[in-house]
Protein backbone atom coordinates (compact mmCIF):
# COMPACT_ATOMS: atom_id res chain seq x y z
CA UNK A 1 88.66 -44.70 196.57
CA UNK A 2 90.08 -45.29 193.15
CA UNK A 3 88.43 -45.07 190.07
CA UNK A 4 89.81 -48.02 187.57
CA UNK A 5 89.32 -47.75 183.72
CA UNK A 6 88.93 -51.34 181.82
CA UNK A 7 88.97 -52.26 178.38
CA UNK A 8 86.47 -54.72 177.55
CA UNK A 9 86.45 -56.57 174.33
CA UNK A 10 83.70 -59.07 173.74
CA UNK A 11 83.68 -61.72 170.23
CA UNK A 12 81.15 -64.06 169.22
CA UNK A 13 82.45 -67.49 168.84
CA UNK A 14 80.27 -70.67 168.29
CA UNK A 15 78.55 -71.41 171.04
CA UNK A 16 78.49 -68.45 172.75
CA UNK A 17 80.86 -64.99 173.58
CA UNK A 18 83.83 -64.55 175.12
CA UNK A 19 84.95 -61.22 176.84
CA UNK A 20 88.16 -60.17 177.69
CA UNK A 21 89.69 -57.48 179.59
CA UNK A 22 93.74 -57.06 178.00
CA UNK A 23 94.93 -54.97 180.54
CA UNK A 24 94.25 -57.80 183.13
CA UNK A 25 94.57 -60.66 180.46
CA UNK A 26 91.23 -61.99 182.52
CA UNK A 27 88.55 -63.60 180.21
CA UNK A 28 85.02 -65.04 180.84
CA UNK A 29 82.34 -66.27 178.45
CA UNK A 30 78.16 -65.81 178.58
CA UNK A 31 75.61 -66.92 175.98
CA UNK A 32 75.00 -63.17 175.55
CA UNK A 33 77.00 -60.14 175.62
CA UNK A 34 75.43 -59.16 178.46
CA UNK A 35 76.09 -62.32 180.08
CA UNK A 36 79.50 -62.20 179.06
CA UNK A 37 80.08 -58.66 180.14
CA UNK A 38 78.87 -59.37 183.75
CA UNK A 39 80.80 -62.64 184.20
CA UNK A 40 83.95 -60.36 183.12
CA UNK A 41 83.14 -57.98 185.57
CA UNK A 42 82.89 -60.60 188.31
CA UNK A 43 85.89 -62.14 187.07
CA UNK A 44 87.73 -58.75 187.09
CA UNK A 45 86.78 -58.03 190.75
CA UNK A 46 88.01 -61.45 192.23
CA UNK A 47 91.32 -60.62 190.31
CA UNK A 48 91.63 -56.99 192.11
CA UNK A 49 90.72 -58.97 195.56
CA UNK A 50 93.33 -61.29 194.80
CA UNK A 51 95.93 -58.57 193.87
CA UNK A 52 95.14 -56.57 196.86
CA UNK A 53 95.72 -59.82 198.58
CA UNK A 54 99.00 -60.66 197.42
CA UNK A 55 100.46 -56.81 197.75
CA UNK A 56 100.80 -56.82 193.76
CA UNK A 57 98.16 -53.96 193.19
CA UNK A 58 100.61 -51.24 192.52
CA UNK A 59 102.10 -53.21 189.70
CA UNK A 60 98.99 -53.47 187.64
CA UNK A 61 97.28 -50.00 189.06
CA UNK A 62 98.93 -47.85 186.16
CA UNK A 63 97.35 -49.59 183.25
CA UNK A 64 94.06 -49.55 185.17
CA UNK A 65 93.90 -45.89 185.89
CA UNK A 66 95.03 -44.53 182.20
CA UNK A 67 92.55 -42.74 180.75
CA UNK A 68 94.57 -43.01 177.37
CA UNK A 69 93.94 -46.39 175.87
CA UNK A 70 93.65 -46.96 172.29
CA UNK A 71 92.47 -50.33 170.48
CA UNK A 72 92.69 -51.02 166.80
CA UNK A 73 91.82 -53.98 164.42
CA UNK A 74 94.67 -55.88 162.49
CA UNK A 75 94.12 -58.40 160.19
CA UNK A 76 96.83 -60.81 158.77
CA UNK A 77 97.14 -63.42 156.19
CA UNK A 78 98.49 -66.50 156.68
CA UNK A 79 99.11 -69.94 154.91
């Protein structure tokens, strides 16, 4: 059994919270941070099930098992 390590980003929007897993490009939402995170977990589980069925786990596995992950904030101004 392998352990996968996901990054979860959650942000507030006008009507709730959006959650996203950058490694997979999977997103979800909820009325609370907790709900958005739980919904994202379910979406990730479905993604992994489909990836296994399609035989593409090898293509995404490195990004899911790496312990070296860095996040940052980048601010840009535009007109």
